[in-house]
N, C-alpha and C. Protein backbone atom coordinates (compact mmCIF):
# COMPACT_ATOMS: atom_id res chain seq x y z
N MET A 1 123.22 108.30 98.25
CA MET A 1 122.94 107.81 99.45
C MET A 1 121.08 106.93 99.98
N ALA A 2 121.45 105.67 100.49
CA ALA A 2 120.53 104.85 100.66
C ALA A 2 119.34 105.84 101.16
N ALA A 3 118.18 105.06 101.14
CA ALA A 3 117.06 105.41 102.44
C ALA A 3 116.82 105.27 103.13
N PRO A 4 116.19 105.85 104.29
CA PRO A 4 116.20 105.14 105.73
C PRO A 4 115.06 104.19 105.29
N LEU A 5 115.46 103.51 106.50
CA LEU A 5 114.70 102.15 106.98
C LEU A 5 113.06 101.61 107.14
N ARG A 6 112.62 103.49 107.38
CA ARG A 6 111.45 103.44 108.14
C ARG A 6 110.85 103.71 106.50
N LEU A 7 111.88 104.89 105.76
CA LEU A 7 111.12 104.67 104.46
C LEU A 7 111.38 103.26 103.16
N ARG A 8 112.28 102.91 103.30
CA ARG A 8 112.44 101.25 102.60
C ARG A 8 111.52 100.47 103.30
N LEU A 9 111.12 100.43 104.19
CA LEU A 9 110.22 98.87 104.84
C LEU A 9 108.27 99.98 104.61
N MET A 10 108.84 101.55 103.89
CA MET A 10 106.92 101.58 103.94
C MET A 10 107.20 101.31 102.03
N TYR A 11 107.76 101.39 101.03
CA TYR A 11 108.06 100.92 99.62
C TYR A 11 107.77 99.70 99.97
N ALA A 12 107.98 98.88 100.85
CA ALA A 12 107.96 97.64 100.18
C ALA A 12 106.24 96.87 100.68
N VAL A 13 106.17 97.75 101.70
CA VAL A 13 104.59 97.46 101.55
C VAL A 13 103.64 97.99 101.29
N LEU A 14 104.18 99.16 100.52
CA LEU A 14 103.25 99.67 99.56
C LEU A 14 103.52 98.36 98.48
N ARG A 15 104.36 98.47 98.05
CA ARG A 15 104.63 96.93 96.70
C ARG A 15 103.83 95.78 97.25
N ALA A 16 103.68 95.51 98.06
CA ALA A 16 102.85 94.33 98.47
C ALA A 16 101.66 94.49 98.09
N VAL A 17 101.43 95.40 98.91
CA VAL A 17 99.46 95.50 98.71
C VAL A 17 99.00 96.00 97.59
N PHE A 18 100.28 96.54 96.26
CA PHE A 18 99.86 96.18 95.25
C PHE A 18 99.64 94.98 94.83
N GLY A 19 100.53 94.46 94.62
CA GLY A 19 100.69 93.26 94.05
C GLY A 19 99.86 92.46 94.26
N TYR A 20 99.23 91.92 95.51
CA TYR A 20 99.19 90.80 96.24
C TYR A 20 97.22 91.37 95.69
N GLY A 21 96.71 92.42 96.20
CA GLY A 21 95.62 93.53 95.96
C GLY A 21 95.51 92.84 94.23
N LEU A 22 96.29 93.56 93.44
CA LEU A 22 96.08 93.81 92.23
C LEU A 22 95.82 91.72 91.76
N LEU A 23 96.53 91.19 92.83
CA LEU A 23 96.31 89.46 91.98
C LEU A 23 94.95 89.07 92.36
N VAL A 24 94.72 89.17 93.70
CA VAL A 24 92.81 88.99 94.34
C VAL A 24 92.09 89.30 93.38
N TRP A 25 92.66 91.11 92.97
CA TRP A 25 91.25 91.50 91.64
C TRP A 25 91.61 90.84 90.60
N VAL A 26 92.70 90.34 89.94
CA VAL A 26 91.87 90.07 88.95
C VAL A 26 91.77 88.60 89.12
N TYR A 27 92.08 87.95 90.06
CA TYR A 27 91.54 86.24 90.27
C TYR A 27 90.13 85.70 90.32
N LEU A 28 89.68 87.25 91.00
CA LEU A 28 87.68 87.52 91.32
C LEU A 28 87.36 88.34 90.23
N ALA A 29 88.06 89.03 89.24
CA ALA A 29 87.52 89.48 88.39
C ALA A 29 87.06 88.41 87.37
N VAL A 30 88.44 87.50 87.06
CA VAL A 30 88.29 85.99 86.63
C VAL A 30 86.89 85.85 86.65
N ASN A 31 86.84 85.14 87.69
CA ASN A 31 85.77 84.63 88.98
C ASN A 31 84.30 84.99 88.38
N SER A 32 84.24 86.42 88.41
CA SER A 32 83.30 86.51 88.39
C SER A 32 82.59 86.79 86.73
N LEU A 33 83.67 86.72 85.55
CA LEU A 33 83.39 86.18 84.46
C LEU A 33 82.76 84.88 83.99
N SER A 34 83.51 83.80 85.01
CA SER A 34 82.96 82.75 84.84
C SER A 34 81.71 81.67 85.72
N HIS A 35 81.72 82.40 87.13
CA HIS A 35 81.09 82.35 87.45
C HIS A 35 79.66 83.38 88.14
N PRO A 36 79.04 83.98 87.87
CA PRO A 36 78.39 85.66 87.91
C PRO A 36 77.83 85.52 88.89
N GLU A 37 76.94 84.52 89.48
CA GLU A 37 76.24 83.56 90.26
C GLU A 37 76.94 83.88 91.59
N THR A 38 78.33 83.61 91.87
CA THR A 38 78.94 84.17 93.31
C THR A 38 79.71 85.24 93.51
N VAL A 39 79.40 86.23 92.85
CA VAL A 39 79.77 87.31 93.19
C VAL A 39 79.01 88.30 94.51
N GLY A 40 77.85 87.52 94.69
CA GLY A 40 76.94 88.26 95.95
C GLY A 40 77.28 87.46 97.12
N GLN A 41 77.68 86.17 96.94
CA GLN A 41 78.07 85.28 98.43
C GLN A 41 79.10 85.60 98.96
N GLN A 42 79.57 85.16 99.88
CA GLN A 42 80.41 84.98 100.84
C GLN A 42 81.78 85.21 100.83
N VAL A 43 83.01 85.16 100.67
CA VAL A 43 84.48 85.02 100.40
C VAL A 43 84.88 83.99 101.26
N THR A 44 84.70 83.55 102.71
CA THR A 44 84.48 82.63 103.51
C THR A 44 83.54 82.38 104.59
N HIS A 45 84.01 80.67 104.51
CA HIS A 45 82.90 80.38 105.25
C HIS A 45 82.90 80.62 106.93
N PHE A 46 83.97 81.49 107.21
CA PHE A 46 83.64 82.03 108.58
C PHE A 46 82.57 83.30 109.11
N LEU A 47 82.51 84.17 108.39
CA LEU A 47 81.85 85.11 108.28
C LEU A 47 81.51 85.85 107.03
N PRO A 48 79.68 86.55 107.41
CA PRO A 48 78.88 86.68 106.05
C PRO A 48 79.45 88.29 105.47
N TRP A 49 80.09 88.02 105.96
CA TRP A 49 80.31 90.18 105.05
C TRP A 49 82.59 89.92 105.20
N PRO A 50 82.79 89.81 104.17
CA PRO A 50 82.55 90.74 102.80
C PRO A 50 82.31 89.89 101.67
N THR A 51 81.38 89.82 100.70
CA THR A 51 81.20 89.52 100.22
C THR A 51 82.60 89.46 98.67
N GLU A 52 82.47 88.28 97.33
CA GLU A 52 83.36 88.51 96.76
C GLU A 52 82.90 89.66 95.91
N GLY A 53 82.36 90.32 95.81
CA GLY A 53 82.01 91.61 95.15
C GLY A 53 82.85 92.37 96.02
N GLN A 54 83.00 92.56 97.41
CA GLN A 54 83.23 93.80 98.11
C GLN A 54 84.70 93.73 98.14
N THR A 55 84.84 92.22 98.29
CA THR A 55 86.20 92.14 98.05
C THR A 55 87.09 92.57 96.88
N ALA A 56 86.86 92.13 96.08
CA ALA A 56 87.08 92.97 94.93
C ALA A 56 86.80 94.13 94.57
N LEU A 57 86.76 95.15 94.84
CA LEU A 57 86.40 95.99 95.21
C LEU A 57 87.22 96.86 96.20
N GLY A 58 87.11 96.31 97.45
CA GLY A 58 88.47 96.75 97.82
C GLY A 58 89.83 96.56 97.57
N CYS A 59 90.04 95.50 96.94
CA CYS A 59 91.58 95.36 96.58
C CYS A 59 91.84 95.88 95.22
N PHE A 60 91.00 96.11 94.82
CA PHE A 60 91.42 97.11 93.93
C PHE A 60 91.55 98.14 94.18
N VAL A 61 90.60 99.26 95.02
CA VAL A 61 90.47 100.50 95.11
C VAL A 61 92.43 100.47 96.45
N LEU A 62 93.02 100.11 97.32
CA LEU A 62 93.73 98.99 97.59
C LEU A 62 95.25 99.84 97.01
N SER A 63 94.98 98.21 95.57
CA SER A 63 95.70 98.27 94.63
C SER A 63 96.09 99.89 93.87
N ALA A 64 94.55 100.94 93.96
CA ALA A 64 95.11 101.42 93.22
C ALA A 64 95.64 102.89 94.03
N ALA A 65 95.35 102.56 95.01
CA ALA A 65 96.44 103.87 96.02
C ALA A 65 97.32 103.52 96.60
N SER A 66 98.11 102.37 96.23
CA SER A 66 99.56 102.01 96.76
C SER A 66 100.61 101.77 95.62
N PHE A 67 99.06 102.02 95.06
CA PHE A 67 99.98 102.46 93.07
C PHE A 67 100.14 103.73 93.17
N PHE A 68 99.46 104.39 92.89
CA PHE A 68 99.59 106.20 92.68
C PHE A 68 100.21 106.95 94.09
N LEU A 69 100.76 106.22 95.75
CA LEU A 69 101.58 106.63 96.19
C LEU A 69 103.38 106.15 95.60
N LEU A 70 102.97 104.88 95.05
CA LEU A 70 104.55 104.78 94.66
C LEU A 70 105.28 105.32 93.70
N ARG A 71 104.24 106.16 92.56
CA ARG A 71 104.28 106.72 91.91
C ARG A 71 104.13 108.09 92.19
N VAL A 72 103.25 108.81 93.10
CA VAL A 72 103.84 110.42 93.45
C VAL A 72 104.94 110.32 93.97
N ARG A 73 105.84 109.30 94.91
CA ARG A 73 107.36 109.03 95.58
C ARG A 73 108.12 109.13 94.63
N SER A 74 107.96 108.26 93.95
CA SER A 74 109.51 108.18 92.52
C SER A 74 109.54 108.98 91.61
N HIS A 75 108.11 110.44 91.54
CA HIS A 75 108.05 111.58 90.25
C HIS A 75 108.73 112.79 90.80
N ARG A 76 109.82 112.50 90.04
CA ARG A 76 110.75 113.98 89.95
C ARG A 76 110.55 114.43 88.98
N PRO A 77 110.49 115.93 88.88
CA PRO A 77 110.03 116.89 87.42
C PRO A 77 111.52 117.06 87.34
N ARG A 78 111.47 117.43 86.13
CA ARG A 78 112.61 117.26 84.66
C ARG A 78 113.58 118.70 85.47
N TRP A 79 113.55 119.49 85.84
CA TRP A 79 114.18 120.75 86.32
C TRP A 79 115.24 120.52 87.37
N GLU A 80 114.38 119.18 88.35
CA GLU A 80 115.78 118.43 89.32
C GLU A 80 116.39 117.80 88.75
N GLY A 81 116.26 117.37 88.07
CA GLY A 81 117.36 116.33 87.96
C GLY A 81 116.91 115.01 88.09
């Protein structure tokens, strides 16, 4: 039996948040290794907030939370088959 549309949409959003959040975090982590002086600089030229470091932290937290939610939902105990 197929999952309802709302549930499939939620999974798609969680997977997108996980994937893109992880990609942005990896990019900023590599950037902070090669250019450590830019970690405290703003991400865009339009707003003074967030900085690169804050963005990396936020992306990591969002990615970890979405991964956790995806794994919790897909986990099935052995005795349920």
